[in-house]
C-alpha atoms as a PDB file:
ATOM      1  CA  MET A   1     -11.101  -4.793-121.262  1.00  0.00           C
ATOM      2  CA  CYS A   2      -9.653  -1.474-120.063  1.00  0.00           C
ATOM      3  CA  ARG A   3     -12.739   0.423-121.172  1.00  0.00           C
ATOM      4  CA  ALA A   4     -15.051  -1.895-119.221  1.00  0.00           C
ATOM      5  CA  PHE A   5     -12.867  -1.625-116.112  1.00  0.00           C
ATOM      6  CA  ARG A   6     -12.795   2.162-116.417  1.00  0.00           C
ATOM      7  CA  LEU A   7     -16.596   2.351-116.683  1.00  0.00           C
ATOM      8  CA  ILE A   8     -17.062   0.120-113.619  1.00  0.00           C
ATOM      9  CA  THR A   9     -14.624   2.079-111.452  1.00  0.00           C
ATOM     10  CA  MET A  10     -16.083   5.420-112.502  1.00  0.00           C
ATOM     11  CA  ASN A  11     -19.524   4.302-111.322  1.00  0.00           C
ATOM     12  CA  VAL A  12     -18.206   2.992-108.003  1.00  0.00           C
ATOM     13  CA  CYS A  13     -15.681   5.758-107.263  1.00  0.00           C
ATOM     14  CA  SER A  14     -17.256   8.961-108.463  1.00  0.00           C
ATOM     15  CA  VAL A  15     -15.822  12.316-107.388  1.00  0.00           C
ATOM     16  CA  TYR A  16     -18.929  12.977-105.284  1.00  0.00           C
ATOM     17  CA  LYS A  17     -18.639   9.668-103.410  1.00  0.00           C
ATOM     18  CA  LEU A  18     -14.925  10.157-102.754  1.00  0.00           C
ATOM     19  CA  THR A  19     -15.546  13.703-101.519  1.00  0.00           C
ATOM     20  CA  VAL A  20     -18.290  12.587 -99.136  1.00  0.00           C
ATOM     21  CA  CYS A  21     -16.185   9.665 -97.898  1.00  0.00           C
ATOM     22  CA  SER A  22     -13.120  11.849 -97.265  1.00  0.00           C
ATOM     23  CA  PHE A  23     -15.235  14.480 -95.484  1.00  0.00           C
ATOM     24  CA  MET A  24     -16.822  11.833 -93.232  1.00  0.00           C
ATOM     25  CA  MET A  25     -13.444  10.264 -92.418  1.00  0.00           C
ATOM     26  CA  GLY A  26     -12.035  13.718 -91.620  1.00  0.00           C
ATOM     27  CA  CYS A  27     -14.928  14.446 -89.255  1.00  0.00           C
ATOM     28  CA  LEU A  28     -14.503  11.056 -87.596  1.00  0.00           C
ATOM     29  CA  SER A  29     -10.765  11.589 -87.089  1.00  0.00           C
ATOM     30  CA  VAL A  30     -11.259  15.069 -85.593  1.00  0.00           C
ATOM     31  CA  GLY A  31     -13.943  13.697 -83.260  1.00  0.00           C
ATOM     32  CA  LEU A  32     -11.752  10.821 -82.099  1.00  0.00           C
ATOM     33  CA  LEU A  33      -8.802  13.165 -81.598  1.00  0.00           C
ATOM     34  CA  ALA A  34     -10.959  15.471 -79.438  1.00  0.00           C
ATOM     35  CA  LEU A  35     -12.137  12.477 -77.425  1.00  0.00           C
ATOM     36  CA  ALA A  36      -8.577  11.255 -76.902  1.00  0.00           C
ATOM     37  CA  VAL A  37      -7.301  14.657 -75.757  1.00  0.00           C
ATOM     38  CA  SER A  38     -10.215  15.311 -73.410  1.00  0.00           C
ATOM     39  CA  THR A  39     -10.226  11.968 -71.572  1.00  0.00           C
ATOM     40  CA  ASP A  40      -7.667  10.468 -69.216  1.00  0.00           C
ATOM     41  CA  TYR A  41      -8.223   6.794 -70.001  1.00  0.00           C
ATOM     42  CA  TRP A  42      -5.335   6.191 -72.416  1.00  0.00           C
ATOM     43  CA  LEU A  43      -3.515   3.580 -70.343  1.00  0.00           C
ATOM     44  CA  LEU A  44      -5.271   1.280 -67.863  1.00  0.00           C
ATOM     45  CA  MET A  45      -3.264  -0.940 -65.479  1.00  0.00           C
ATOM     46  CA  HIS A  46      -3.689  -3.174 -62.442  1.00  0.00           C
ATOM     47  CA  GLU A  47      -0.759  -3.248 -60.025  1.00  0.00           C
ATOM     48  CA  SER A  48      -0.225  -5.564 -57.061  1.00  0.00           C
ATOM     49  CA  TYR A  49       1.444  -4.353 -53.878  1.00  0.00           C
ATOM     50  CA  GLN A  50       2.621  -6.205 -50.800  1.00  0.00           C
ATOM     51  CA  GLY A  51       3.730  -4.102 -47.848  1.00  0.00           C
ATOM     52  CA  SER A  52       7.048  -4.421 -46.038  1.00  0.00           C
ATOM     53  CA  GLY A  53       8.102  -3.799 -42.439  1.00  0.00           C
ATOM     54  CA  ASN A  54       5.081  -3.102 -40.226  1.00  0.00           C
ATOM     55  CA  LEU A  55       2.809  -3.595 -43.242  1.00  0.00           C
ATOM     56  CA  SER A  56       4.198  -7.021 -44.213  1.00  0.00           C
ATOM     57  CA  ASN A  57       0.748  -8.623 -44.185  1.00  0.00           C
ATOM     58  CA  TYR A  58      -0.815  -5.802 -46.217  1.00  0.00           C
ATOM     59  CA  ARG A  59      -1.593  -6.924 -49.779  1.00  0.00           C
ATOM     60  CA  THR A  60      -3.676  -4.933 -52.182  1.00  0.00           C
ATOM     61  CA  GLN A  61      -4.384  -4.247 -55.823  1.00  0.00           C
ATOM     62  CA  PHE A  62      -4.162  -0.789 -57.329  1.00  0.00           C
ATOM     63  CA  ARG A  63      -6.073   0.296 -60.394  1.00  0.00           C
ATOM     64  CA  VAL A  64      -4.082   2.910 -62.292  1.00  0.00           C
ATOM     65  CA  TRP A  65      -5.098   4.954 -65.324  1.00  0.00           C
ATOM     66  CA  THR A  66      -3.446   7.814 -67.080  1.00  0.00           C
ATOM     67  CA  GLY A  67      -4.015  10.153 -69.974  1.00  0.00           C
ATOM     68  CA  LEU A  68      -2.492  13.234 -71.478  1.00  0.00           C
ATOM     69  CA  TRP A  69      -3.316  15.496 -68.537  1.00  0.00           C
ATOM     70  CA  ARG A  70      -3.836  13.346 -65.396  1.00  0.00           C
ATOM     71  CA  PHE A  71      -2.521  10.280 -63.584  1.00  0.00           C
ATOM     72  CA  CYS A  72      -5.023   8.552 -61.270  1.00  0.00           C
ATOM     73  CA  MET A  73      -4.961   5.532 -58.994  1.00  0.00           C
ATOM     74  CA  VAL A  74      -7.313   3.841 -56.572  1.00  0.00           C
ATOM     75  CA  ASP A  75      -6.791   1.124 -53.979  1.00  0.00           C
ATOM     76  CA  GLU A  76      -9.150  -1.805 -54.554  1.00  0.00           C
ATOM     77  CA  ASN A  77      -9.689  -2.056 -50.760  1.00  0.00           C
ATOM     78  CA  MET A  78     -10.841   1.596 -50.626  1.00  0.00           C
ATOM     79  CA  PRO A  79     -12.600   2.272 -53.947  1.00  0.00           C
ATOM     80  CA  LYS A  80     -13.983   5.661 -52.865  1.00  0.00           C
ATOM     81  CA  ASP A  81     -10.519   7.171 -52.304  1.00  0.00           C
ATOM     82  CA  VAL A  82      -9.281   8.100 -55.781  1.00  0.00           C
ATOM     83  CA  PHE A  83      -5.915   9.829 -55.947  1.00  0.00           C
ATOM     84  CA  CYS A  84      -5.317  11.955 -59.070  1.00  0.00           C
ATOM     85  CA  MET A  85      -2.527  14.320 -59.953  1.00  0.00           C
ATOM     86  CA  ALA A  86      -1.661  16.428 -62.944  1.00  0.00           C
ATOM     87  CA  VAL A  87       1.053  15.135 -65.265  1.00  0.00           C
ATOM     88  CA  ASN A  88       4.057  17.447 -65.017  1.00  0.00           C
ATOM     89  CA  TYR A  89       5.743  17.999 -68.385  1.00  0.00           C
ATOM     90  CA  ASP A  90       8.352  20.410 -66.983  1.00  0.00           C
ATOM     91  CA  VAL A  91      11.782  19.163 -67.996  1.00  0.00           C
ATOM     92  CA  SER A  92      14.420  20.899 -65.932  1.00  0.00           C
END
């Protein structure tokens, strides 16, 4: 029984196949890590806002997205005006 199981697993999991699989998974992980660091779409949110005071009848939706390097937001009423700023990691 053990000999038959050993022969089956050796054919399925050869050293060559495991090496190729680990190399491909390593390349995939490095590629996804580079994509994650280079983009700013890590967190996507929709926020509602209702004005107060003189703007009490002003209601809008904000679309907000952030990543490792930037924080951006856009008013749904003015989609061409995108406000982005760099994320400040200075802790003082």
